[in-house]
Protein backbone atom coordinates (compact mmCIF):
# COMPACT_ATOMS: atom_id res chain seq x y z
CA MET A 1 131.65 109.25 118.54
CA SER A 2 127.71 109.66 117.79
CA SER A 3 126.57 112.46 115.42
CA LEU A 4 124.98 114.43 118.36
CA TRP A 5 128.99 115.00 119.55
CA LEU A 6 130.41 115.53 116.05
CA LEU A 7 127.69 118.16 115.94
CA MET A 8 128.16 119.87 118.97
CA LEU A 9 132.42 119.37 118.38
CA LEU A 10 131.80 121.02 114.55
CA MET A 11 129.73 124.28 116.74
CA LEU A 12 131.95 124.54 119.07
CA LEU A 13 135.54 125.10 116.39
CA VAL A 14 133.12 127.35 114.58
CA ALA A 15 132.55 129.31 117.38
CA VAL A 16 136.30 129.23 118.27
CA VAL A 17 137.40 130.83 114.73
CA PHE A 18 135.17 133.83 114.98
CA VAL A 19 136.22 134.33 118.98
CA LEU A 20 139.72 134.55 117.57
CA LEU A 21 139.03 137.05 114.78
CA ALA A 22 136.86 139.12 117.17
CA THR A 23 140.00 138.90 119.64
CA GLY A 24 142.62 140.05 117.05
CA LYS A 25 140.28 142.93 116.41
CA GLN A 26 139.68 143.96 119.64
CA ARG A 27 143.61 143.75 120.58
CA ARG A 28 144.33 146.17 117.37
CA TYR A 29 142.04 148.55 119.45
CA HIS A 30 143.66 148.59 122.47
CA LYS A 31 147.10 148.91 121.24
CA ARG A 32 146.05 152.05 118.90
CA GLN A 33 144.44 153.28 121.83
CA ASP A 34 147.68 152.71 124.38
CA GLU A 35 149.66 154.82 122.16
CA ASN A 36 147.82 157.55 121.79
CA GLN A 37 147.72 157.70 125.80
CA ARG A 38 151.32 157.53 125.32
CA TRP A 39 151.58 160.40 123.46
CA TYR A 40 149.66 162.77 124.99
CA GLU A 41 151.32 162.51 128.55
CA GLN A 42 154.51 163.16 126.99
CA ARG A 43 153.24 165.96 125.19
CA LEU A 44 151.91 167.30 128.24
CA ALA A 45 155.23 167.16 130.12
CA GLU A 46 156.51 168.67 127.48
CA LEU A 47 154.08 171.58 127.95
CA GLU A 48 154.80 171.63 131.77
CA GLU A 49 158.85 171.82 131.62
CA GLU A 50 158.46 174.76 128.63
CA ARG A 51 156.44 177.25 131.52
CA SER A 52 158.59 175.69 134.37
CA GLN A 53 162.00 176.62 132.46
CA TYR A 54 161.31 179.33 129.89
CA ASP A 55 158.93 180.55 131.70
CA LEU A 56 155.92 179.89 128.84
CA PRO A 57 152.71 183.17 129.96
CA ASP A 58 149.81 181.03 131.39
CA GLU A 59 147.99 182.79 127.93
CA ASP A 60 150.38 180.74 126.30
CA TYR A 61 150.34 177.38 128.23
CA GLN A 62 146.60 177.10 128.27
CA HIS A 63 145.84 177.60 124.65
CA ALA A 64 148.38 174.65 124.07
CA LYS A 65 147.11 172.79 126.36
CA GLN A 66 143.42 172.96 124.80
CA GLU A 67 144.78 172.13 121.36
CA LEU A 68 146.85 168.93 122.91
CA ASP A 69 143.29 168.06 124.38
CA LYS A 70 141.65 168.30 121.64
CA THR A 71 143.87 166.42 119.29
CA PHE A 72 144.14 163.38 121.46
CA LEU A 73 139.94 163.63 121.56
CA ASN A 74 139.96 163.33 117.93
CA ASP A 75 142.75 160.64 117.07
CA SER A 76 140.60 158.68 120.43
CA GLN A 77 137.74 158.93 118.35
CA ASP A 78 139.16 158.02 115.41
CA VAL A 79 140.61 154.58 116.36
CA GLU A 80 136.92 153.63 117.92
CA GLU A 81 135.73 154.64 114.16
CA ASN A 82 137.73 152.57 112.45
CA VAL A 83 137.22 149.55 114.44
CA HIS A 84 134.40 148.35 113.41
CA TRP A 85 133.04 144.86 112.56
CA HIS A 86 132.58 143.70 108.63
CA ARG A 87 130.29 141.49 107.26
CA ALA A 88 132.25 138.04 106.31
CA PRO A 89 132.19 136.44 103.11
CA VAL A 90 129.36 134.00 102.05
CA ALA A 91 132.01 131.74 100.86
CA LEU A 92 134.33 132.01 104.60
CA PRO A 93 132.00 130.27 106.75
CA ILE A 94 130.86 127.59 103.76
CA VAL A 95 134.90 126.84 103.48
CA LEU A 96 134.97 126.77 107.18
CA LEU A 97 132.68 124.64 107.73
CA LEU A 98 133.96 122.24 104.57
CA VAL A 99 136.93 121.97 105.97
CA VAL A 100 136.24 121.54 109.57
CA SER A 101 133.56 118.50 108.32
CA ALA A 102 135.95 117.27 106.42
CA GLY A 103 138.90 116.97 109.09
CA LEU A 104 136.33 115.70 111.70
CA TYR A 105 135.18 112.30 108.74
CA TRP A 106 138.40 111.50 108.24
CA ALA A 107 139.36 111.63 111.70
CA PHE A 108 136.77 110.10 113.10
CA GLY A 109 134.22 108.34 110.33
CA SER A 110 136.74 106.95 108.64
CA TRP A 111 139.06 105.90 111.30
CA GLN A 112 135.86 104.16 112.98
CA LEU A 113 135.33 102.25 109.79
CA GLN A 114 138.70 101.19 109.34
CA LEU A 115 138.75 99.96 113.15
CA GLN A 116 135.38 97.88 112.49
CA ALA A 117 136.71 96.68 109.54
CA GLU A 118 140.39 95.29 111.37
CA ASP A 119 137.95 94.25 114.30
CA ALA A 120 135.57 92.09 111.30
CA ARG A 121 139.03 90.48 110.34
CA ARG A 122 140.13 89.90 114.14
CA GLN A 123 136.95 88.00 114.57
CA LEU A 124 136.83 85.90 110.92
CA PRO A 125 138.33 82.31 112.56
CA GLU A 126 136.21 82.71 115.66
CA LEU A 127 132.84 83.72 113.87
CA GLY A 128 133.23 81.39 111.36
CA LYS A 129 133.22 78.36 113.80
CA THR A 130 130.64 79.88 115.40
CA LEU A 131 128.22 80.38 111.95
CA LEU A 132 129.25 76.82 111.26
CA GLN A 133 127.78 75.76 114.38
CA GLN A 134 124.90 77.05 113.59
CA GLN A 135 124.50 76.04 110.39
CA ASN A 136 120.90 74.30 111.15
CA GLN A 137 119.51 77.75 112.81
CA GLN A 138 118.70 81.29 111.54
CA ALA A 139 123.10 83.17 111.95
CA SER A 140 121.68 87.10 112.44
CA ARG A 141 122.16 89.57 109.83
CA GLU A 142 124.62 91.14 112.43
CA ASP A 143 127.07 88.14 112.55
CA LEU A 144 126.34 87.35 109.11
CA ASN A 145 127.19 91.15 107.90
CA THR A 146 130.64 91.15 110.32
CA PHE A 147 131.98 88.12 109.25
CA ALA A 148 131.84 89.30 105.43
CA LEU A 149 132.92 92.93 106.37
CA GLY A 150 136.27 90.45 108.00
CA LEU A 151 135.88 88.70 104.63
CA ARG A 152 136.14 90.99 102.41
CA GLN A 153 139.68 92.50 104.30
CA LYS A 154 140.85 88.80 104.04
CA LEU A 155 140.29 89.28 100.02
CA MET A 156 141.60 92.54 99.75
CA ARG A 157 145.04 90.70 100.89
CA GLU A 158 144.63 87.58 99.70
CA PRO A 159 142.39 87.97 96.19
CA GLU A 160 143.52 84.01 94.86
CA ASP A 161 141.55 82.16 97.43
CA ALA A 162 139.03 80.97 95.87
CA ILE A 163 137.60 79.12 98.75
CA ALA A 164 137.29 82.18 100.54
CA TRP A 165 135.24 83.47 97.21
CA TRP A 166 133.01 80.84 97.65
CA ILE A 167 132.43 81.14 101.21
CA TYR A 168 131.98 84.63 100.26
CA ALA A 169 129.55 84.34 97.83
CA GLY A 170 127.52 82.35 100.38
CA ILE A 171 127.13 84.99 102.42
CA MET A 172 126.14 87.22 99.80
CA VAL A 173 123.64 85.01 99.21
CA ASP A 174 122.15 85.06 102.63
CA LEU A 175 122.19 88.48 102.80
CA GLY A 176 120.29 88.81 99.65
CA ALA A 177 122.92 90.34 97.67
CA GLY A 178 122.71 88.45 93.89
CA GLU A 179 124.86 90.46 92.21
CA ASP A 180 127.36 90.36 94.36
CA ALA A 181 126.91 86.59 95.01
CA ASP A 182 127.54 85.99 91.53
CA GLU A 183 130.19 88.22 90.69
CA ALA A 184 131.92 85.96 94.08
CA PHE A 185 131.12 82.93 92.22
CA GLN A 186 133.05 83.81 89.09
CA LYS A 187 135.81 85.12 90.35
CA SER A 188 136.45 82.30 92.57
CA LEU A 189 135.90 79.57 89.03
CA GLN A 190 137.70 82.20 87.37
CA ILE A 191 140.99 81.12 90.52
CA GLU A 192 139.76 77.57 90.36
CA PRO A 193 137.46 76.77 87.58
CA ASN A 194 136.67 72.41 88.44
CA ARG A 195 136.10 73.38 92.26
CA VAL A 196 133.15 70.65 92.30
CA ASN A 197 131.88 72.71 95.48
CA THR A 198 131.88 75.84 94.26
CA LEU A 199 130.23 74.49 90.71
CA VAL A 200 127.26 73.03 92.33
CA SER A 201 126.88 75.71 94.71
CA TYR A 202 127.08 78.19 91.87
CA SER A 203 124.20 76.03 90.16
CA ARG A 204 122.06 76.05 92.79
CA PHE A 205 122.13 80.00 92.96
CA LEU A 206 121.13 80.07 89.88
CA LEU A 207 118.53 77.78 89.49
CA MET A 208 117.03 80.02 92.65
CA SER A 209 117.90 83.30 90.85
CA GLY A 210 115.08 83.07 88.11
CA ALA A 211 117.37 84.53 85.74
CA GLU A 212 116.72 83.72 82.41
CA ASP A 213 119.53 82.24 81.08
CA GLY A 214 119.59 80.34 84.86
CA GLN A 215 119.25 77.36 83.70
CA PRO A 216 120.89 76.37 80.63
CA LYS A 217 123.87 77.62 82.80
CA ALA A 218 122.79 75.92 85.60
CA ALA A 219 123.44 73.12 83.47
CA ARG A 220 126.61 73.03 81.89
CA LEU A 221 127.80 73.97 85.47
CA LEU A 222 126.51 70.74 86.43
CA ALA A 223 128.01 68.92 84.07
CA ARG A 224 131.19 70.27 84.59
CA ALA A 225 130.64 69.05 88.06
CA LEU A 226 130.18 65.37 87.30
CA LYS A 227 132.77 65.09 84.93
CA GLN A 228 135.09 65.70 88.17
CA ASP A 229 132.74 63.42 90.22
CA PRO A 230 130.14 61.71 89.07
CA ASP A 231 128.94 60.20 92.18
CA ASN A 232 128.30 63.74 93.82
CA ILE A 233 124.68 63.91 95.23
CA GLU A 234 124.21 67.37 94.89
CA ALA A 235 124.76 67.86 91.11
CA LEU A 236 123.04 64.62 90.52
CA SER A 237 119.83 66.22 92.43
CA LEU A 238 119.88 69.41 90.73
CA LEU A 239 120.79 68.06 87.19
CA GLY A 240 117.34 65.91 87.30
CA PHE A 241 115.67 69.27 89.06
CA VAL A 242 116.80 71.29 85.26
CA ALA A 243 116.11 68.54 83.06
CA PHE A 244 112.78 68.10 85.27
CA GLU A 245 111.72 71.70 84.42
CA ARG A 246 113.02 71.98 80.34
CA GLN A 247 111.06 68.67 80.23
CA ASP A 248 114.08 66.36 79.35
CA TRP A 249 112.31 63.17 81.39
CA ALA A 250 114.67 61.14 79.69
CA GLN A 251 117.57 62.55 81.36
CA ALA A 252 115.83 63.71 84.73
CA ILE A 253 114.62 59.78 85.30
CA SER A 254 118.38 59.01 84.07
CA ALA A 255 119.80 61.41 86.87
CA TRP A 256 117.37 60.67 89.58
CA GLU A 257 118.15 57.08 89.27
CA LEU A 258 121.95 57.22 89.99
CA LEU A 259 120.96 59.79 93.01
CA LYS A 260 118.67 57.10 94.73
CA GLU A 261 121.21 54.44 93.82
CA ARG A 262 123.47 56.56 95.89
CA LEU A 263 121.15 57.21 99.29
CA PRO A 264 120.68 54.79 101.73
CA LYS A 265 116.48 54.37 101.18
CA THR A 266 115.74 54.81 105.45
CA SER A 267 117.04 58.65 104.76
CA GLU A 268 113.97 61.16 104.09
CA ARG A 269 115.72 62.46 100.82
CA TYR A 270 116.01 58.54 99.32
CA GLN A 271 111.86 58.88 99.33
CA ALA A 272 111.77 62.13 97.88
CA VAL A 273 114.03 61.00 94.93
CA VAL A 274 111.26 58.24 94.58
CA ASN A 275 108.29 60.51 94.69
CA ALA A 276 109.82 62.32 92.16
CA LEU A 277 111.13 60.08 89.83
CA ASP A 278 107.54 58.34 89.48
CA ASN A 279 106.08 62.17 88.76
CA ALA A 280 108.92 62.12 85.60
CA LYS A 281 108.12 58.60 84.61
CA GLU A 282 104.65 59.54 84.23
CA GLN A 283 105.11 62.98 82.92
CA GLN A 284 107.41 60.78 79.91
CA GLU A 285 104.57 58.41 79.75
CA LYS A 286 102.09 61.32 78.73
CA ALA A 287 104.86 62.74 76.52
CA GLU A 288 104.53 59.81 74.35
CA VAL A 289 100.77 60.13 74.00
CA GLN A 290 100.12 60.47 70.65
CA LEU A 291 97.33 60.57 68.18
CA GLN A 292 98.16 59.77 64.47
CA VAL A 293 95.49 61.09 61.49
CA ARG A 294 94.91 60.54 58.10
CA VAL A 295 92.97 63.07 56.45
CA THR A 296 91.85 62.04 52.99
CA LEU A 297 89.54 64.22 50.60
CA SER A 298 85.98 63.02 49.09
CA ASP A 299 85.67 63.55 45.36
CA ASN A 300 82.47 66.12 45.38
CA MET A 301 84.88 68.24 47.22
CA ARG A 302 88.02 68.54 45.10
CA HIS A 303 86.71 71.39 43.16
CA HIS A 304 86.21 73.26 46.36
CA LEU A 305 89.64 72.96 47.48
CA PRO A 306 91.19 76.79 47.64
CA GLU A 307 94.87 76.97 45.95
CA ASN A 308 96.43 78.48 48.92
CA GLY A 309 94.30 76.81 51.71
CA THR A 310 95.50 75.70 55.03
CA LEU A 311 95.29 72.35 56.45
CA PHE A 312 94.32 72.59 60.49
CA VAL A 313 93.74 69.32 62.14
CA TYR A 314 93.57 69.50 65.66
CA VAL A 315 91.97 68.24 69.15
CA THR A 316 89.97 69.24 71.52
CA GLY A 317 88.49 68.67 75.21
CA MET A 318 84.45 67.55 75.32
CA GLU A 319 83.69 70.55 76.67
CA GLN A 320 86.43 72.84 75.39
CA PRO A 321 86.74 74.26 72.41
CA MET A 322 90.38 75.57 72.71
CA PRO A 323 92.72 73.13 71.27
CA ALA A 324 95.00 71.07 73.35
CA ALA A 325 97.27 70.24 70.28
CA VAL A 326 97.12 71.47 66.48
CA VAL A 327 98.88 70.85 63.04
CA ARG A 328 98.82 73.38 60.81
CA GLN A 329 100.19 72.58 56.77
CA PRO A 330 99.60 74.31 53.59
CA VAL A 331 97.47 71.99 51.22
CA SER A 332 98.45 69.30 49.06
CA GLU A 333 97.95 66.11 47.50
CA PHE A 334 95.75 63.91 50.01
CA PRO A 335 96.15 61.63 51.79
CA VAL A 336 97.92 63.32 54.33
CA THR A 337 98.95 61.08 57.50
CA VAL A 338 100.06 63.90 60.53
CA THR A 339 100.92 62.80 64.47
CA LEU A 340 99.58 65.24 66.98
CA SER A 341 101.06 65.05 70.97
CA ASN A 342 102.03 66.95 73.83
CA GLN A 343 104.63 68.61 71.74
CA ASN A 344 101.59 70.08 69.59
CA ALA A 345 100.08 72.05 72.38
CA MET A 346 99.29 75.64 72.12
CA LEU A 347 99.62 76.22 76.08
CA PRO A 348 102.11 74.86 78.41
CA ASP A 349 99.73 73.79 80.57
CA TYR A 350 96.70 72.60 78.64
CA LYS A 351 98.24 69.47 76.38
CA MET A 352 96.72 65.93 74.97
CA SER A 353 97.76 64.31 77.89
CA ASP A 354 95.82 66.59 80.51
CA LEU A 355 92.50 64.99 78.87
CA ASP A 356 89.89 62.12 79.16
CA GLN A 357 88.63 61.51 75.55
CA TRP A 358 89.84 63.38 72.33
CA GLN A 359 87.33 65.22 70.33
CA VAL A 360 89.40 65.36 66.73
CA HIS A 361 88.71 67.61 63.92
CA ALA A 362 89.86 68.62 60.21
CA ARG A 363 89.46 71.42 58.51
CA ILE A 364 91.01 73.16 55.33
CA SER A 365 90.87 77.20 56.00
CA GLN A 366 90.84 79.51 52.62
CA ASP A 367 93.53 81.59 54.69
CA GLU A 368 95.79 80.84 57.81
CA LYS A 369 93.04 81.06 60.41
CA ILE A 370 92.06 78.29 62.27
CA ASP A 371 88.23 80.02 62.87
CA ARG A 372 85.19 78.14 61.11
CA GLN A 373 84.60 80.18 57.89
CA ALA A 374 82.13 80.30 55.24
CA GLY A 375 83.83 78.85 52.40
CA ASP A 376 85.83 76.57 54.24
CA LEU A 377 86.11 72.33 53.91
CA GLU A 378 85.76 70.22 56.93
CA ALA A 379 85.25 66.72 58.11
CA GLU A 380 83.07 65.34 60.58
CA ARG A 381 84.42 65.10 64.24
CA VAL A 382 84.94 62.38 65.66
CA THR A 383 85.62 61.48 69.84
CA ILE A 384 87.85 59.30 71.18
CA ASN A 385 88.79 57.81 74.53
CA ALA A 386 92.40 58.95 75.19
CA ASP A 387 94.46 55.73 75.34
CA GLY A 388 97.89 56.01 74.92
CA SER A 389 98.89 56.12 71.04
CA ALA A 390 95.78 55.86 68.42
CA GLU A 391 95.14 55.78 64.60
CA LEU A 392 91.85 57.61 62.73
CA THR A 393 91.22 58.63 59.79
CA LEU A 394 88.56 61.70 58.64
CA THR A 395 87.65 62.82 55.40
CA LEU A 396 86.97 66.60 54.15
CA SER A 397 83.65 65.84 53.10
CA SER A 398 81.91 69.10 53.71
CA ARG A 399 81.63 73.17 52.40
CA ILE A 400 80.55 75.54 55.35
CA GLU A 401 78.32 77.69 54.07
CA GLU A 402 76.93 81.09 54.34
């Protein structure tokens, strides 16, 4: 029933209530008038009888009749004055509206929703087949909502169905209801903790959600899935992705190598895995790039050595003063040997392995700041090609003057 029809029905019911109230007033008015009329006619008949049987004088008869007429008129006037409308209390129409509205919602709103839910539950098997056939196409939002409604009805009756919870979670993902999807995945795993499809699907959802704890939680779920099914293609693919994002190149290569072995070489996915493997290996090679620097202190600078100084050894690009890698440590006995690599990067997207040449610096600061200041000791910077691993020596031989 449309909202317009409901509104019209509500107005009609309110009008009927007030009409019934008015009708009751009118009935009481007519009843009182009828009683006065009967009384008047009865008393007039008695006067006529007294005049004819007991020779009531005309003068007395006329006087009594005038008094009777006057009494009748006064009584009729009193009835009319007593019958009048009073303003209904403000609460009365409000209460009537609330009662009628609640009745209409109960009669039509909840009833209609229940009908929709039952209809969705009956359509569930057929609609499930339709959605399965449309797996390579975009299912309509209306079909997804109807299917979800039917599934909710099923789960109310069968809350221990792990597969139904898993399917419901997938529908919620498609509908963009992330919180509902997460809750449904968890309920499915509470019933069947080691169901591989649920573990893999939940992992994919967590990685897509971008939640702060999504990656580590997904990694744990994938480990559980691979423990049950070591050859699961989806689990291996996702595990490689998680490892790559966490810059665990060895684990990413291991997962994707296993995945590559299980895919036919003619498939499109095979080539995508080969490309991912090449990228992971390249990143691993870059991560293994390192520079070993031996720092010495010249004799003429020993008496300038600050007591609480800080040694900085760092690498910059030829045209970029920002360090791509830096090691900082308190001043100790010399010589000192430090190793620089991508692990010492200051920014995630600017590393030693991104440079073709390295400019290597060494400085002893009087405080904990890397900026050049008067009184700092420094070595002459050295430029070398970024060729994998290398070693060099820097000597702190000058003092920055004011």
